[in-house]
Structure formats: structure tokens, C-alpha cells
């Protein structure tokens, strides 16, 4: 079963979204999939840095 997804709308600087589009295409992923990966990695890294 696929995890539930929530649709959101955000505003991203043009230079950032263009870079994300290129990186997503290079990785053969949709922009949405690629942003999700980036966010998950960021959150995981933040959790690793937080003292318990």
C-alpha cells in the first residue's frame, strides 16, 4: 500500500526550481518525487544532529 500524500502549494525562487527540474530530470524522477527525496534527506539529517 502506498503512503498517503498531501497536495500542497508553495512558492519557490525561479533559480531554485530550475535547478531542481534539471536534477530531477537527470535522476529520471518527477519534480515532486525529487523534492520529496530532498526533504526526507534534510529531515533525516536534522534528526541525526539533534541530541536525544
PDB file of N, CA and C in Angstrom:
ATOM      1  N   UNK A   1       0.841  -1.185   0.000  1.00  0.00           N
ATOM      2  CA  UNK A   1       0.000   0.000   0.000  1.00  0.00           C
ATOM      3  C   UNK A   1       0.886   1.248   0.000  1.00  0.00           C
ATOM      4  N   UNK A   2       0.579   2.177  -0.861  1.00  0.00           N
ATOM      5  CA  UNK A   2       1.344   3.422  -0.957  1.00  0.00           C
ATOM      6  C   UNK A   2       1.053   4.332   0.230  1.00  0.00           C
ATOM      7  N   UNK A   3       2.078   5.063   0.680  1.00  0.00           N
ATOM      8  CA  UNK A   3       1.835   6.024   1.751  1.00  0.00           C
ATOM      9  C   UNK A   3       0.908   7.137   1.267  1.00  0.00           C
ATOM     10  N   UNK A   4       0.136   7.687   2.175  1.00  0.00           N
ATOM     11  CA  UNK A   4      -0.759   8.781   1.821  1.00  0.00           C
ATOM     12  C   UNK A   4       0.050  10.028   1.493  1.00  0.00           C
ATOM     13  N   UNK A   5      -0.418  10.766   0.541  1.00  0.00           N
ATOM     14  CA  UNK A   5       0.246  12.001   0.132  1.00  0.00           C
ATOM     15  C   UNK A   5      -0.719  13.161   0.344  1.00  0.00           C
ATOM     16  N   UNK A   6      -0.155  14.334   0.603  1.00  0.00           N
ATOM     17  CA  UNK A   6      -0.938  15.548   0.741  1.00  0.00           C
ATOM     18  C   UNK A   6      -0.475  16.541  -0.304  1.00  0.00           C
ATOM     19  N   UNK A   7      -1.397  17.084  -1.026  1.00  0.00           N
ATOM     20  CA  UNK A   7      -1.085  18.072  -2.048  1.00  0.00           C
ATOM     21  C   UNK A   7      -0.886  19.425  -1.383  1.00  0.00           C
ATOM     22  N   UNK A   8       0.215  20.105  -1.708  1.00  0.00           N
ATOM     23  CA  UNK A   8       0.499  21.427  -1.171  1.00  0.00           C
ATOM     24  C   UNK A   8       0.885  22.365  -2.303  1.00  0.00           C
ATOM     25  N   UNK A   9       0.777  23.633  -2.027  1.00  0.00           N
ATOM     26  CA  UNK A   9       1.194  24.649  -2.976  1.00  0.00           C
ATOM     27  C   UNK A   9       2.226  25.529  -2.282  1.00  0.00           C
ATOM     28  N   UNK A  10       3.401  25.688  -2.902  1.00  0.00           N
ATOM     29  CA  UNK A  10       4.448  26.524  -2.329  1.00  0.00           C
ATOM     30  C   UNK A  10       5.015  27.435  -3.408  1.00  0.00           C
ATOM     31  N   UNK A  11       5.700  28.464  -2.979  1.00  0.00           N
ATOM     32  CA  UNK A  11       6.371  29.380  -3.889  1.00  0.00           C
ATOM     33  C   UNK A  11       7.871  29.155  -3.746  1.00  0.00           C
ATOM     34  N   UNK A  12       8.536  28.915  -4.875  1.00  0.00           N
ATOM     35  CA  UNK A  12       9.976  28.638  -4.876  1.00  0.00           C
ATOM     36  C   UNK A  12      10.651  29.607  -5.830  1.00  0.00           C
ATOM     37  N   UNK A  13      11.815  30.115  -5.436  1.00  0.00           N
ATOM     38  CA  UNK A  13      12.569  31.017  -6.308  1.00  0.00           C
ATOM     39  C   UNK A  13      12.831  30.341  -7.651  1.00  0.00           C
ATOM     40  N   UNK A  14      12.767  31.137  -8.708  1.00  0.00           N
ATOM     41  CA  UNK A  14      12.917  30.621 -10.069  1.00  0.00           C
ATOM     42  C   UNK A  14      14.227  29.873 -10.276  1.00  0.00           C
ATOM     43  N   UNK A  15      15.326  30.410  -9.745  1.00  0.00           N
ATOM     44  CA  UNK A  15      16.617  29.740  -9.941  1.00  0.00           C
ATOM     45  C   UNK A  15      16.663  28.389  -9.226  1.00  0.00           C
ATOM     46  N   UNK A  16      16.003  28.302  -8.092  1.00  0.00           N
ATOM     47  CA  UNK A  16      15.984  27.049  -7.334  1.00  0.00           C
ATOM     48  C   UNK A  16      15.152  26.004  -8.062  1.00  0.00           C
ATOM     49  N   UNK A  17      13.971  26.365  -8.529  1.00  0.00           N
ATOM     50  CA  UNK A  17      13.112  25.386  -9.198  1.00  0.00           C
ATOM     51  C   UNK A  17      13.726  24.924 -10.516  1.00  0.00           C
ATOM     52  N   UNK A  18      14.415  25.800 -11.204  1.00  0.00           N
ATOM     53  CA  UNK A  18      15.076  25.387 -12.453  1.00  0.00           C
ATOM     54  C   UNK A  18      16.158  24.350 -12.167  1.00  0.00           C
ATOM     55  N   UNK A  19      16.937  24.569 -11.119  1.00  0.00           N
ATOM     56  CA  UNK A  19      17.970  23.607 -10.738  1.00  0.00           C
ATOM     57  C   UNK A  19      17.331  22.275 -10.325  1.00  0.00           C
ATOM     58  N   UNK A  20      16.246  22.342  -9.544  1.00  0.00           N
ATOM     59  CA  UNK A  20      15.558  21.122  -9.126  1.00  0.00           C
ATOM     60  C   UNK A  20      15.009  20.382 -10.342  1.00  0.00           C
ATOM     61  N   UNK A  21      14.448  21.105 -11.289  1.00  0.00           N
ATOM     62  CA  UNK A  21      13.933  20.463 -12.516  1.00  0.00           C
ATOM     63  C   UNK A  21      15.033  19.718 -13.253  1.00  0.00           C
ATOM     64  N   UNK A  22      16.192  20.356 -13.376  1.00  0.00           N
ATOM     65  CA  UNK A  22      17.319  19.702 -14.071  1.00  0.00           C
ATOM     66  C   UNK A  22      17.792  18.472 -13.306  1.00  0.00           C
ATOM     67  N   UNK A  23      17.937  18.603 -11.994  1.00  0.00           N
ATOM     68  CA  UNK A  23      18.399  17.473 -11.185  1.00  0.00           C
ATOM     69  C   UNK A  23      17.393  16.322 -11.215  1.00  0.00           C
ATOM     70  N   UNK A  24      16.106  16.644 -11.148  1.00  0.00           N
ATOM     71  CA  UNK A  24      15.062  15.618 -11.201  1.00  0.00           C
ATOM     72  C   UNK A  24      15.099  14.896 -12.545  1.00  0.00           C
ATOM     73  N   UNK A  25      15.255  15.656 -13.608  1.00  0.00           N
ATOM     74  CA  UNK A  25      15.325  15.050 -14.948  1.00  0.00           C
ATOM     75  C   UNK A  25      16.557  14.151 -15.065  1.00  0.00           C
ATOM     76  N   UNK A  26      17.677  14.616 -14.566  1.00  0.00           N
ATOM     77  CA  UNK A  26      18.905  13.807 -14.600  1.00  0.00           C
ATOM     78  C   UNK A  26      18.741  12.514 -13.811  1.00  0.00           C
ATOM     79  N   UNK A  27      17.913  12.559 -12.768  1.00  0.00           N
ATOM     80  CA  UNK A  27      17.689  11.397 -11.908  1.00  0.00           C
ATOM     81  C   UNK A  27      16.472  10.586 -12.378  1.00  0.00           C
ATOM     82  N   UNK A  28      15.881  10.991 -13.511  1.00  0.00           N
ATOM     83  CA  UNK A  28      14.708  10.325 -14.095  1.00  0.00           C
ATOM     84  C   UNK A  28      13.553  10.245 -13.101  1.00  0.00           C
ATOM     85  N   UNK A  29      13.282  11.377 -12.441  1.00  0.00           N
ATOM     86  CA  UNK A  29      12.192  11.472 -11.470  1.00  0.00           C
ATOM     87  C   UNK A  29      11.361  12.708 -11.772  1.00  0.00           C
ATOM     88  N   UNK A  30      10.149  12.711 -11.239  1.00  0.00           N
ATOM     89  CA  UNK A  30       9.331  13.924 -11.339  1.00  0.00           C
ATOM     90  C   UNK A  30       9.881  14.951 -10.345  1.00  0.00           C
ATOM     91  N   UNK A  31       9.539  16.201 -10.573  1.00  0.00           N
ATOM     92  CA  UNK A  31       9.957  17.257  -9.656  1.00  0.00           C
ATOM     93  C   UNK A  31       9.406  16.973  -8.262  1.00  0.00           C
ATOM     94  N   UNK A  32       8.170  16.535  -8.192  1.00  0.00           N
ATOM     95  CA  UNK A  32       7.546  16.228  -6.908  1.00  0.00           C
ATOM     96  C   UNK A  32       8.293  15.111  -6.180  1.00  0.00           C
ATOM     97  N   UNK A  33       8.621  14.041  -6.887  1.00  0.00           N
ATOM     98  CA  UNK A  33       9.383  12.946  -6.270  1.00  0.00           C
ATOM     99  C   UNK A  33      10.737  13.436  -5.781  1.00  0.00           C
ATOM    100  N   UNK A  34      11.393  14.243  -6.593  1.00  0.00           N
ATOM    101  CA  UNK A  34      12.726  14.719  -6.251  1.00  0.00           C
ATOM    102  C   UNK A  34      12.695  15.629  -5.021  1.00  0.00           C
ATOM    103  N   UNK A  35      11.730  16.534  -4.963  1.00  0.00           N
ATOM    104  CA  UNK A  35      11.604  17.416  -3.802  1.00  0.00           C
ATOM    105  C   UNK A  35      11.308  16.593  -2.553  1.00  0.00           C
ATOM    106  N   UNK A  36      10.486  15.569  -2.678  1.00  0.00           N
ATOM    107  CA  UNK A  36      10.173  14.706  -1.548  1.00  0.00           C
ATOM    108  C   UNK A  36      11.447  14.032  -1.022  1.00  0.00           C
ATOM    109  N   UNK A  37      12.292  13.563  -1.915  1.00  0.00           N
ATOM    110  CA  UNK A  37      13.561  12.941  -1.524  1.00  0.00           C
ATOM    111  C   UNK A  37      14.450  13.949  -0.809  1.00  0.00           C
ATOM    112  N   UNK A  38      14.560  15.148  -1.364  1.00  0.00           N
ATOM    113  CA  UNK A  38      15.379  16.197  -0.760  1.00  0.00           C
ATOM    114  C   UNK A  38      14.889  16.511   0.654  1.00  0.00           C
ATOM    115  N   UNK A  39      13.589  16.657   0.813  1.00  0.00           N
ATOM    116  CA  UNK A  39      13.025  16.983   2.126  1.00  0.00           C
ATOM    117  C   UNK A  39      13.234  15.852   3.130  1.00  0.00           C
ATOM    118  N   UNK A  40      13.036  14.616   2.699  1.00  0.00           N
ATOM    119  CA  UNK A  40      13.258  13.477   3.596  1.00  0.00           C
ATOM    120  C   UNK A  40      14.716  13.410   4.046  1.00  0.00           C
ATOM    121  N   UNK A  41      15.651  13.620   3.116  1.00  0.00           N
ATOM    122  CA  UNK A  41      17.077  13.615   3.467  1.00  0.00           C
ATOM    123  C   UNK A  41      17.392  14.727   4.464  1.00  0.00           C
ATOM    124  N   UNK A  42      16.844  15.910   4.219  1.00  0.00           N
ATOM    125  CA  UNK A  42      17.079  17.039   5.124  1.00  0.00           C
ATOM    126  C   UNK A  42      16.566  16.717   6.524  1.00  0.00           C
ATOM    127  N   UNK A  43      15.341  16.214   6.602  1.00  0.00           N
ATOM    128  CA  UNK A  43      14.749  15.884   7.906  1.00  0.00           C
ATOM    129  C   UNK A  43      15.568  14.808   8.607  1.00  0.00           C
ATOM    130  N   UNK A  44      15.963  13.782   7.879  1.00  0.00           N
ATOM    131  CA  UNK A  44      16.786  12.717   8.473  1.00  0.00           C
ATOM    132  C   UNK A  44      18.095  13.286   9.020  1.00  0.00           C
ATOM    133  N   UNK A  45      18.727  14.154   8.267  1.00  0.00           N
ATOM    134  CA  UNK A  45      19.985  14.769   8.715  1.00  0.00           C
ATOM    135  C   UNK A  45      19.784  15.644   9.945  1.00  0.00           C
ATOM    136  N   UNK A  46      18.684  16.366   9.998  1.00  0.00           N
ATOM    137  CA  UNK A  46      18.383  17.208  11.155  1.00  0.00           C
ATOM    138  C   UNK A  46      18.150  16.350  12.396  1.00  0.00           C
ATOM    139  N   UNK A  47      17.464  15.253  12.221  1.00  0.00           N
ATOM    140  CA  UNK A  47      17.205  14.349  13.342  1.00  0.00           C
ATOM    141  C   UNK A  47      18.511  13.733  13.857  1.00  0.00           C
ATOM    142  N   UNK A  48      19.446  13.456  12.946  1.00  0.00           N
ATOM    143  CA  UNK A  48      20.746  12.916  13.337  1.00  0.00           C
ATOM    144  C   UNK A  48      21.553  13.924  14.144  1.00  0.00           C
ATOM    145  N   UNK A  49      21.335  15.218  13.881  1.00  0.00           N
ATOM    146  CA  UNK A  49      22.082  16.273  14.563  1.00  0.00           C
ATOM    147  C   UNK A  49      21.481  16.625  15.921  1.00  0.00           C
ATOM    148  N   UNK A  50      20.182  16.375  16.081  1.00  0.00           N
ATOM    149  CA  UNK A  50      19.504  16.723  17.339  1.00  0.00           C
ATOM    150  C   UNK A  50      19.921  15.778  18.464  1.00  0.00           C
ATOM    151  N   UNK A  51      20.370  16.335  19.577  1.00  0.00           N
ATOM    152  CA  UNK A  51      20.683  15.454  20.718  1.00  0.00           C
ATOM    153  C   UNK A  51      19.402  14.879  21.307  1.00  0.00           C
ATOM    154  N   UNK A  52      19.482  13.672  21.749  1.00  0.00           N
ATOM    155  CA  UNK A  52      18.301  12.987  22.291  1.00  0.00           C
ATOM    156  C   UNK A  52      18.142  13.250  23.759  1.00  0.00           C
TER     157      UNK A  52
END
